[in-house]
Amino acid sequence: MCPVARLGEGIKLAAYEALGISSSPPLITEEKPLGSIEMLARKSVRKGEKTSIESLFPYGERRKQFELKEDVRRWKTKLRVEIVPIPPADALDTLKAWREGVKIELPKLVSFITLADITKKKGEKTSINGLLASTTRKMPFIAEESVREGERLILQCYVIL
């Protein structure tokens, strides 16, 4: 592409931005907590290894119920799902002692965006098996952290507005 064409594209983008039109996909502007559930890993996974929600958690864990904090509509509500290892109790006590006013972000096993596969109202109960489509639960992801068999993890869901 010649330099003139690049300049023309730059002018076009500047004009779009002046009108408030973005040429890039919208960023996540706001999200609200939908619910979370504590689950036990059925197998060990090393950092960088491929796994999925179905292979990491047994059926009974995926069927645990939690209360929805927002309404969800099937195939319309965009969700961000995050799996976070729970730190040991002594580490949590240390964090509680000095975290006042400080945001602490725990290392994530994985975080991904998907659509809800169920329609439910705020206050109703559901499970991960109900909320996520089977294709989403079977979708492989690369573990960002190592997890041991029997380790407690929190699966957190957020509604993207």
N, C-alpha and C. Protein backbone atom coordinates (compact mmCIF):
# COMPACT_ATOMS: atom_id res chain seq x y z
N MET A 1 0.85 -1.17 0.00
CA MET A 1 0.00 0.00 0.00
C MET A 1 0.90 1.24 0.00
N CYS A 2 0.56 2.24 -0.77
CA CYS A 2 1.39 3.44 -0.87
C CYS A 2 1.12 4.38 0.32
N PRO A 3 2.10 5.27 0.63
CA PRO A 3 1.94 6.19 1.76
C PRO A 3 0.71 7.08 1.65
N VAL A 4 0.32 7.46 0.43
CA VAL A 4 -0.85 8.32 0.25
C VAL A 4 -2.11 7.60 0.72
N ALA A 5 -2.21 6.30 0.38
CA ALA A 5 -3.38 5.53 0.79
C ALA A 5 -3.45 5.44 2.32
N ARG A 6 -2.29 5.25 2.96
CA ARG A 6 -2.28 5.19 4.43
C ARG A 6 -2.75 6.52 5.02
N LEU A 7 -2.27 7.62 4.43
CA LEU A 7 -2.66 8.94 4.90
C LEU A 7 -4.17 9.12 4.75
N GLY A 8 -4.69 8.67 3.60
CA GLY A 8 -6.13 8.77 3.36
C GLY A 8 -6.93 7.99 4.39
N GLU A 9 -6.44 6.79 4.74
CA GLU A 9 -7.13 5.99 5.75
C GLU A 9 -7.09 6.68 7.10
N GLY A 10 -5.94 7.32 7.41
CA GLY A 10 -5.82 8.05 8.67
C GLY A 10 -6.81 9.20 8.76
N ILE A 11 -6.98 9.91 7.66
CA ILE A 11 -7.94 11.02 7.62
C ILE A 11 -9.35 10.48 7.80
N LYS A 12 -9.64 9.36 7.12
CA LYS A 12 -10.96 8.75 7.22
C LYS A 12 -11.25 8.33 8.66
N LEU A 13 -10.27 7.71 9.32
CA LEU A 13 -10.44 7.29 10.71
C LEU A 13 -10.64 8.49 11.62
N ALA A 14 -9.88 9.57 11.37
CA ALA A 14 -10.02 10.79 12.18
C ALA A 14 -11.42 11.37 12.02
N ALA A 15 -11.95 11.34 10.80
CA ALA A 15 -13.30 11.85 10.55
C ALA A 15 -14.34 11.01 11.29
N TYR A 16 -14.18 9.68 11.24
CA TYR A 16 -15.10 8.80 11.97
C TYR A 16 -15.05 9.08 13.47
N GLU A 17 -13.82 9.23 14.00
CA GLU A 17 -13.68 9.49 15.44
C GLU A 17 -14.30 10.83 15.82
N ALA A 18 -14.18 11.83 14.94
CA ALA A 18 -14.78 13.14 15.22
C ALA A 18 -16.30 13.04 15.29
N LEU A 19 -16.87 12.12 14.52
CA LEU A 19 -18.32 11.91 14.54
C LEU A 19 -18.75 10.95 15.65
N GLY A 20 -17.78 10.41 16.38
CA GLY A 20 -18.10 9.47 17.45
C GLY A 20 -18.30 8.05 16.97
N ILE A 21 -17.85 7.75 15.76
CA ILE A 21 -17.97 6.40 15.20
C ILE A 21 -16.63 5.71 15.34
N SER A 22 -16.64 4.54 15.96
CA SER A 22 -15.38 3.81 16.16
C SER A 22 -15.23 2.76 15.07
N SER A 23 -14.03 2.64 14.54
CA SER A 23 -13.77 1.62 13.52
C SER A 23 -13.31 0.32 14.16
N SER A 24 -13.02 0.35 15.45
CA SER A 24 -12.57 -0.86 16.14
C SER A 24 -13.74 -1.45 16.93
N PRO A 25 -13.66 -2.74 17.27
CA PRO A 25 -14.75 -3.33 18.03
C PRO A 25 -14.86 -2.66 19.40
N PRO A 26 -16.08 -2.55 19.93
CA PRO A 26 -16.25 -1.87 21.21
C PRO A 26 -15.54 -2.62 22.34
N LEU A 27 -14.97 -1.87 23.25
CA LEU A 27 -14.33 -2.46 24.41
C LEU A 27 -15.39 -2.77 25.46
N ILE A 28 -15.05 -3.65 26.39
CA ILE A 28 -15.97 -3.94 27.48
C ILE A 28 -16.07 -2.67 28.32
N THR A 29 -17.24 -2.08 28.36
CA THR A 29 -17.38 -0.83 29.09
C THR A 29 -17.77 -1.07 30.54
N GLU A 30 -18.64 -2.01 30.77
CA GLU A 30 -19.09 -2.26 32.13
C GLU A 30 -19.51 -3.72 32.25
N GLU A 31 -19.28 -4.26 33.42
CA GLU A 31 -19.76 -5.62 33.68
C GLU A 31 -20.25 -5.69 35.11
N LYS A 32 -21.25 -6.54 35.32
CA LYS A 32 -21.82 -6.74 36.65
C LYS A 32 -21.64 -8.19 37.05
N PRO A 33 -21.40 -8.45 38.34
CA PRO A 33 -21.29 -9.84 38.79
C PRO A 33 -22.61 -10.58 38.57
N LEU A 34 -22.53 -11.77 38.03
CA LEU A 34 -23.72 -12.59 37.80
C LEU A 34 -23.84 -13.66 38.88
N GLY A 35 -22.72 -14.22 39.29
CA GLY A 35 -22.72 -15.26 40.31
C GLY A 35 -21.40 -15.99 40.30
N SER A 36 -21.17 -16.76 41.36
CA SER A 36 -19.94 -17.55 41.42
C SER A 36 -20.22 -18.82 42.20
N ILE A 37 -19.37 -19.80 41.98
CA ILE A 37 -19.51 -21.11 42.63
C ILE A 37 -18.12 -21.67 42.89
N GLU A 38 -17.96 -22.28 44.05
CA GLU A 38 -16.69 -22.94 44.39
C GLU A 38 -16.76 -24.38 43.92
N MET A 39 -15.71 -24.82 43.23
CA MET A 39 -15.69 -26.17 42.68
C MET A 39 -14.33 -26.82 42.94
N LEU A 40 -14.31 -28.15 42.96
CA LEU A 40 -13.07 -28.91 43.16
C LEU A 40 -12.59 -29.47 41.83
N ALA A 41 -11.30 -29.31 41.56
CA ALA A 41 -10.71 -29.84 40.32
C ALA A 41 -10.61 -31.36 40.43
N ARG A 42 -10.98 -32.06 39.37
CA ARG A 42 -10.90 -33.52 39.39
C ARG A 42 -9.56 -34.04 38.91
N LYS A 43 -8.75 -33.15 38.30
CA LYS A 43 -7.45 -33.58 37.78
C LYS A 43 -6.45 -32.45 37.92
N SER A 44 -5.19 -32.80 37.84
CA SER A 44 -4.12 -31.80 37.86
C SER A 44 -3.89 -31.28 36.45
N VAL A 45 -3.62 -29.99 36.36
CA VAL A 45 -3.36 -29.34 35.08
C VAL A 45 -2.13 -28.45 35.27
N ARG A 46 -1.16 -28.60 34.37
CA ARG A 46 0.03 -27.75 34.43
C ARG A 46 -0.19 -26.47 33.64
N LYS A 47 0.53 -25.44 34.02
CA LYS A 47 0.47 -24.17 33.31
C LYS A 47 0.85 -24.41 31.84
N GLY A 48 0.03 -23.89 30.91
CA GLY A 48 0.28 -24.07 29.49
C GLY A 48 -0.38 -25.30 28.89
N GLU A 49 -0.97 -26.15 29.72
CA GLU A 49 -1.63 -27.37 29.25
C GLU A 49 -3.07 -27.06 28.83
N LYS A 50 -3.57 -27.79 27.82
CA LYS A 50 -4.95 -27.62 27.37
C LYS A 50 -5.88 -28.43 28.25
N THR A 51 -7.02 -27.83 28.59
CA THR A 51 -8.07 -28.52 29.33
C THR A 51 -9.40 -27.85 28.99
N SER A 52 -10.48 -28.28 29.61
CA SER A 52 -11.79 -27.67 29.39
C SER A 52 -12.55 -27.72 30.71
N ILE A 53 -13.66 -27.01 30.78
CA ILE A 53 -14.47 -27.03 32.00
C ILE A 53 -14.97 -28.45 32.26
N GLU A 54 -15.40 -29.16 31.21
CA GLU A 54 -15.92 -30.53 31.40
C GLU A 54 -14.85 -31.50 31.86
N SER A 55 -13.62 -31.34 31.38
CA SER A 55 -12.58 -32.28 31.81
C SER A 55 -11.99 -31.90 33.16
N LEU A 56 -12.04 -30.61 33.52
CA LEU A 56 -11.45 -30.15 34.78
C LEU A 56 -12.36 -30.41 35.98
N PHE A 57 -13.67 -30.29 35.79
CA PHE A 57 -14.62 -30.45 36.89
C PHE A 57 -15.54 -31.64 36.65
N PRO A 58 -15.76 -32.49 37.66
CA PRO A 58 -16.69 -33.62 37.50
C PRO A 58 -18.13 -33.13 37.37
N TYR A 59 -18.99 -34.00 36.90
CA TYR A 59 -20.39 -33.67 36.64
C TYR A 59 -21.08 -33.09 37.88
N GLY A 60 -20.86 -33.70 39.03
CA GLY A 60 -21.49 -33.23 40.27
C GLY A 60 -21.11 -31.80 40.62
N GLU A 61 -19.87 -31.43 40.37
CA GLU A 61 -19.41 -30.06 40.64
C GLU A 61 -20.06 -29.08 39.67
N ARG A 62 -20.18 -29.49 38.41
CA ARG A 62 -20.78 -28.60 37.40
C ARG A 62 -22.28 -28.42 37.63
N ARG A 63 -22.90 -29.32 38.41
CA ARG A 63 -24.34 -29.24 38.69
C ARG A 63 -24.65 -28.45 39.96
N LYS A 64 -23.63 -27.98 40.68
CA LYS A 64 -23.87 -27.18 41.89
C LYS A 64 -24.63 -25.91 41.52
N GLN A 65 -25.62 -25.59 42.34
CA GLN A 65 -26.48 -24.44 42.07
C GLN A 65 -25.92 -23.15 42.69
N PHE A 66 -26.14 -22.04 42.02
CA PHE A 66 -25.84 -20.72 42.57
C PHE A 66 -26.92 -19.76 42.12
N GLU A 67 -27.09 -18.68 42.88
CA GLU A 67 -28.15 -17.71 42.61
C GLU A 67 -27.66 -16.63 41.64
N LEU A 68 -28.50 -16.31 40.67
CA LEU A 68 -28.16 -15.28 39.68
C LEU A 68 -28.40 -13.89 40.26
N LYS A 69 -27.47 -12.98 40.06
CA LYS A 69 -27.59 -11.61 40.55
C LYS A 69 -28.14 -10.67 39.48
N GLU A 70 -28.31 -11.18 38.26
CA GLU A 70 -28.84 -10.39 37.14
C GLU A 70 -29.71 -11.31 36.28
N ASP A 71 -30.58 -10.72 35.45
CA ASP A 71 -31.35 -11.48 34.46
C ASP A 71 -30.41 -11.93 33.35
N VAL A 72 -30.67 -13.11 32.79
CA VAL A 72 -29.93 -13.57 31.61
C VAL A 72 -30.92 -14.04 30.56
N ARG A 73 -30.57 -13.80 29.29
CA ARG A 73 -31.40 -14.25 28.18
C ARG A 73 -30.56 -15.12 27.27
N ARG A 74 -31.14 -16.25 26.88
CA ARG A 74 -30.44 -17.21 26.05
C ARG A 74 -29.98 -16.58 24.74
N TRP A 75 -28.70 -16.76 24.45
CA TRP A 75 -28.03 -16.31 23.22
C TRP A 75 -28.00 -14.79 23.06
N LYS A 76 -28.43 -14.04 24.07
CA LYS A 76 -28.41 -12.58 24.00
C LYS A 76 -27.49 -11.97 25.05
N THR A 77 -27.43 -12.59 26.24
CA THR A 77 -26.62 -12.05 27.32
C THR A 77 -25.17 -12.49 27.16
N LYS A 78 -24.27 -11.50 27.06
CA LYS A 78 -22.84 -11.79 26.92
C LYS A 78 -22.24 -11.95 28.32
N LEU A 79 -21.48 -13.02 28.51
CA LEU A 79 -20.89 -13.34 29.80
C LEU A 79 -19.37 -13.37 29.71
N ARG A 80 -18.72 -12.99 30.81
CA ARG A 80 -17.29 -13.23 30.97
C ARG A 80 -17.16 -14.23 32.10
N VAL A 81 -16.52 -15.35 31.81
CA VAL A 81 -16.35 -16.44 32.77
C VAL A 81 -14.88 -16.47 33.16
N GLU A 82 -14.63 -16.57 34.46
CA GLU A 82 -13.28 -16.56 34.99
C GLU A 82 -13.14 -17.72 35.98
N ILE A 83 -12.06 -18.47 35.88
CA ILE A 83 -11.79 -19.53 36.85
C ILE A 83 -10.53 -19.12 37.61
N VAL A 84 -10.68 -19.00 38.94
CA VAL A 84 -9.61 -18.49 39.79
C VAL A 84 -9.31 -19.48 40.90
N PRO A 85 -8.04 -19.88 41.07
CA PRO A 85 -7.68 -20.74 42.21
C PRO A 85 -7.88 -19.99 43.53
N ILE A 86 -8.35 -20.69 44.56
CA ILE A 86 -8.52 -20.09 45.89
C ILE A 86 -7.19 -20.21 46.63
N PRO A 87 -6.65 -19.10 47.12
CA PRO A 87 -5.39 -19.19 47.87
C PRO A 87 -5.59 -19.95 49.18
N PRO A 88 -4.51 -20.52 49.74
CA PRO A 88 -4.62 -21.20 51.03
C PRO A 88 -5.11 -20.24 52.12
N ALA A 89 -5.71 -20.78 53.19
CA ALA A 89 -6.30 -19.97 54.25
C ALA A 89 -5.30 -19.02 54.89
N ASP A 90 -4.06 -19.47 55.13
CA ASP A 90 -3.08 -18.58 55.76
C ASP A 90 -2.73 -17.39 54.85
N ALA A 91 -2.71 -17.62 53.54
CA ALA A 91 -2.46 -16.52 52.61
C ALA A 91 -3.63 -15.54 52.61
N LEU A 92 -4.85 -16.06 52.73
CA LEU A 92 -6.03 -15.19 52.78
C LEU A 92 -6.00 -14.31 54.03
N ASP A 93 -5.58 -14.87 55.17
CA ASP A 93 -5.49 -14.09 56.40
C ASP A 93 -4.50 -12.95 56.24
N THR A 94 -3.37 -13.21 55.60
CA THR A 94 -2.36 -12.17 55.36
C THR A 94 -2.92 -11.09 54.44
N LEU A 95 -3.63 -11.52 53.38
CA LEU A 95 -4.23 -10.55 52.46
C LEU A 95 -5.25 -9.67 53.17
N LYS A 96 -6.09 -10.27 54.04
CA LYS A 96 -7.11 -9.51 54.75
C LYS A 96 -6.48 -8.45 55.66
N ALA A 97 -5.31 -8.75 56.20
CA ALA A 97 -4.66 -7.84 57.14
C ALA A 97 -4.23 -6.52 56.49
N TRP A 98 -3.88 -6.53 55.22
CA TRP A 98 -3.36 -5.30 54.61
C TRP A 98 -4.09 -4.85 53.36
N ARG A 99 -5.19 -5.49 52.98
CA ARG A 99 -5.82 -5.16 51.70
C ARG A 99 -6.80 -4.00 51.76
N GLU A 100 -7.04 -3.40 52.91
CA GLU A 100 -7.99 -2.30 53.03
C GLU A 100 -7.68 -1.21 52.00
N GLY A 101 -8.62 -0.98 51.10
CA GLY A 101 -8.44 0.06 50.09
C GLY A 101 -7.55 -0.32 48.93
N VAL A 102 -7.10 -1.58 48.88
CA VAL A 102 -6.22 -2.03 47.80
C VAL A 102 -6.94 -3.12 47.02
N LYS A 103 -6.97 -2.99 45.71
CA LYS A 103 -7.58 -4.02 44.87
C LYS A 103 -6.54 -5.11 44.61
N ILE A 104 -6.88 -6.33 44.98
CA ILE A 104 -5.96 -7.46 44.80
C ILE A 104 -6.54 -8.34 43.70
N GLU A 105 -5.74 -8.61 42.68
CA GLU A 105 -6.19 -9.48 41.59
C GLU A 105 -5.44 -10.80 41.69
N LEU A 106 -6.20 -11.87 41.91
CA LEU A 106 -5.60 -13.19 42.01
C LEU A 106 -5.31 -13.72 40.62
N PRO A 107 -4.28 -14.56 40.48
CA PRO A 107 -3.97 -15.13 39.16
C PRO A 107 -5.13 -16.01 38.68
N LYS A 108 -5.47 -15.89 37.40
CA LYS A 108 -6.58 -16.64 36.83
C LYS A 108 -6.08 -17.91 36.15
N LEU A 109 -6.90 -18.94 36.20
CA LEU A 109 -6.63 -20.13 35.42
C LEU A 109 -7.01 -19.84 33.97
N VAL A 110 -8.16 -19.19 33.79
CA VAL A 110 -8.63 -18.81 32.45
C VAL A 110 -9.71 -17.75 32.58
N SER A 111 -9.88 -16.96 31.54
CA SER A 111 -10.97 -15.99 31.44
C SER A 111 -11.40 -15.97 29.98
N PHE A 112 -12.71 -16.11 29.73
CA PHE A 112 -13.20 -16.09 28.35
C PHE A 112 -14.59 -15.47 28.30
N ILE A 113 -15.00 -15.08 27.09
CA ILE A 113 -16.30 -14.45 26.87
C ILE A 113 -17.16 -15.39 26.04
N THR A 114 -18.43 -15.52 26.43
CA THR A 114 -19.37 -16.42 25.75
C THR A 114 -20.78 -15.86 25.90
N LEU A 115 -21.76 -16.56 25.35
CA LEU A 115 -23.17 -16.19 25.50
C LEU A 115 -23.86 -17.15 26.45
N ALA A 116 -24.84 -16.64 27.18
CA ALA A 116 -25.63 -17.49 28.09
C ALA A 116 -26.44 -18.48 27.26
N ASP A 117 -26.64 -19.68 27.79
CA ASP A 117 -27.42 -20.70 27.09
C ASP A 117 -28.72 -20.99 27.84
N ILE A 118 -29.19 -20.01 28.60
CA ILE A 118 -30.40 -20.21 29.40
C ILE A 118 -31.05 -18.84 29.61
N THR A 119 -32.38 -18.82 29.77
CA THR A 119 -33.08 -17.60 30.13
C THR A 119 -33.58 -17.76 31.56
N LYS A 120 -33.13 -16.88 32.44
CA LYS A 120 -33.53 -16.92 33.86
C LYS A 120 -33.60 -15.51 34.40
N LYS A 121 -34.38 -15.35 35.45
CA LYS A 121 -34.54 -14.06 36.12
C LYS A 121 -33.59 -13.93 37.30
N LYS A 122 -33.30 -12.71 37.67
CA LYS A 122 -32.48 -12.41 38.84
C LYS A 122 -33.10 -13.11 40.06
N GLY A 123 -32.25 -13.77 40.86
CA GLY A 123 -32.72 -14.46 42.06
C GLY A 123 -32.96 -15.95 41.85
N GLU A 124 -33.15 -16.38 40.59
CA GLU A 124 -33.33 -17.80 40.32
C GLU A 124 -31.99 -18.51 40.43
N LYS A 125 -32.05 -19.82 40.61
CA LYS A 125 -30.81 -20.61 40.72
C LYS A 125 -30.54 -21.35 39.43
N THR A 126 -29.26 -21.53 39.15
CA THR A 126 -28.83 -22.31 37.99
C THR A 126 -27.47 -22.91 38.31
N SER A 127 -26.96 -23.68 37.37
CA SER A 127 -25.63 -24.29 37.51
C SER A 127 -24.80 -23.92 36.28
N ILE A 128 -23.54 -24.28 36.32
CA ILE A 128 -22.67 -24.04 35.17
C ILE A 128 -23.16 -24.85 33.98
N ASN A 129 -23.64 -26.08 34.24
CA ASN A 129 -24.18 -26.90 33.15
C ASN A 129 -25.39 -26.24 32.51
N GLY A 130 -26.19 -25.52 33.30
CA GLY A 130 -27.36 -24.84 32.75
C GLY A 130 -27.02 -23.53 32.07
N LEU A 131 -26.08 -22.80 32.64
CA LEU A 131 -25.75 -21.47 32.15
C LEU A 131 -24.93 -21.48 30.86
N LEU A 132 -23.98 -22.42 30.77
CA LEU A 132 -23.09 -22.47 29.61
C LEU A 132 -23.49 -23.60 28.66
N ALA A 133 -23.41 -23.35 27.38
CA ALA A 133 -23.71 -24.37 26.37
C ALA A 133 -22.68 -25.49 26.46
N SER A 134 -23.08 -26.70 26.05
CA SER A 134 -22.15 -27.84 26.12
C SER A 134 -20.91 -27.59 25.27
N THR A 135 -21.07 -26.88 24.16
CA THR A 135 -19.89 -26.58 23.32
C THR A 135 -18.92 -25.67 24.06
N THR A 136 -19.43 -24.76 24.87
CA THR A 136 -18.58 -23.87 25.67
C THR A 136 -17.87 -24.66 26.76
N ARG A 137 -18.60 -25.57 27.41
CA ARG A 137 -18.01 -26.37 28.48
C ARG A 137 -16.94 -27.32 27.94
N LYS A 138 -17.08 -27.75 26.69
CA LYS A 138 -16.11 -28.67 26.08
C LYS A 138 -14.97 -27.94 25.38
N MET A 139 -15.11 -26.62 25.20
CA MET A 139 -14.12 -25.83 24.48
C MET A 139 -12.77 -25.86 25.22
N PRO A 140 -11.71 -26.28 24.53
CA PRO A 140 -10.41 -26.32 25.21
C PRO A 140 -9.84 -24.92 25.43
N PHE A 141 -9.16 -24.77 26.55
CA PHE A 141 -8.44 -23.53 26.85
C PHE A 141 -7.07 -23.89 27.39
N ILE A 142 -6.15 -22.96 27.32
CA ILE A 142 -4.80 -23.17 27.83
C ILE A 142 -4.73 -22.59 29.24
N ALA A 143 -4.36 -23.42 30.20
CA ALA A 143 -4.29 -23.01 31.60
C ALA A 143 -3.20 -21.96 31.80
N GLU A 144 -3.56 -20.86 32.41
CA GLU A 144 -2.59 -19.79 32.70
C GLU A 144 -1.87 -20.03 34.02
N GLU A 145 -2.39 -20.95 34.83
CA GLU A 145 -1.80 -21.32 36.12
C GLU A 145 -1.90 -22.83 36.28
N SER A 146 -1.05 -23.40 37.13
CA SER A 146 -1.12 -24.83 37.43
C SER A 146 -2.16 -25.07 38.52
N VAL A 147 -2.84 -26.22 38.41
CA VAL A 147 -3.86 -26.61 39.38
C VAL A 147 -3.63 -28.06 39.75
N ARG A 148 -3.79 -28.39 41.03
CA ARG A 148 -3.65 -29.77 41.48
C ARG A 148 -5.01 -30.43 41.63
N GLU A 149 -5.04 -31.73 41.48
CA GLU A 149 -6.27 -32.49 41.69
C GLU A 149 -6.78 -32.22 43.11
N GLY A 150 -8.08 -31.95 43.23
CA GLY A 150 -8.69 -31.68 44.53
C GLY A 150 -8.58 -30.23 44.98
N GLU A 151 -7.90 -29.39 44.20
CA GLU A 151 -7.76 -27.98 44.56
C GLU A 151 -9.09 -27.25 44.39
N ARG A 152 -9.37 -26.32 45.29
CA ARG A 152 -10.60 -25.54 45.23
C ARG A 152 -10.41 -24.36 44.27
N LEU A 153 -11.38 -24.19 43.38
CA LEU A 153 -11.36 -23.10 42.41
C LEU A 153 -12.70 -22.37 42.48
N ILE A 154 -12.69 -21.10 42.15
CA ILE A 154 -13.94 -20.34 42.06
C ILE A 154 -14.20 -20.03 40.59
N LEU A 155 -15.38 -20.39 40.12
CA LEU A 155 -15.80 -20.05 38.78
C LEU A 155 -16.71 -18.83 38.93
N GLN A 156 -16.28 -17.68 38.40
CA GLN A 156 -17.02 -16.44 38.53
C GLN A 156 -17.58 -16.05 37.17
N CYS A 157 -18.83 -15.59 37.16
CA CYS A 157 -19.46 -15.14 35.92
C CYS A 157 -19.86 -13.67 36.07
N TYR A 158 -19.66 -12.93 34.99
CA TYR A 158 -20.01 -11.51 34.94
C TYR A 158 -20.85 -11.27 33.70
N VAL A 159 -21.84 -10.37 33.80
CA VAL A 159 -22.63 -9.96 32.64
C VAL A 159 -21.95 -8.74 32.04
N ILE A 160 -21.68 -8.79 30.75
CA ILE A 160 -21.08 -7.66 30.03
C ILE A 160 -22.22 -6.80 29.49
N LEU A 161 -22.22 -5.54 29.88
CA LEU A 161 -23.30 -4.63 29.46
C LEU A 161 -22.94 -3.90 28.18
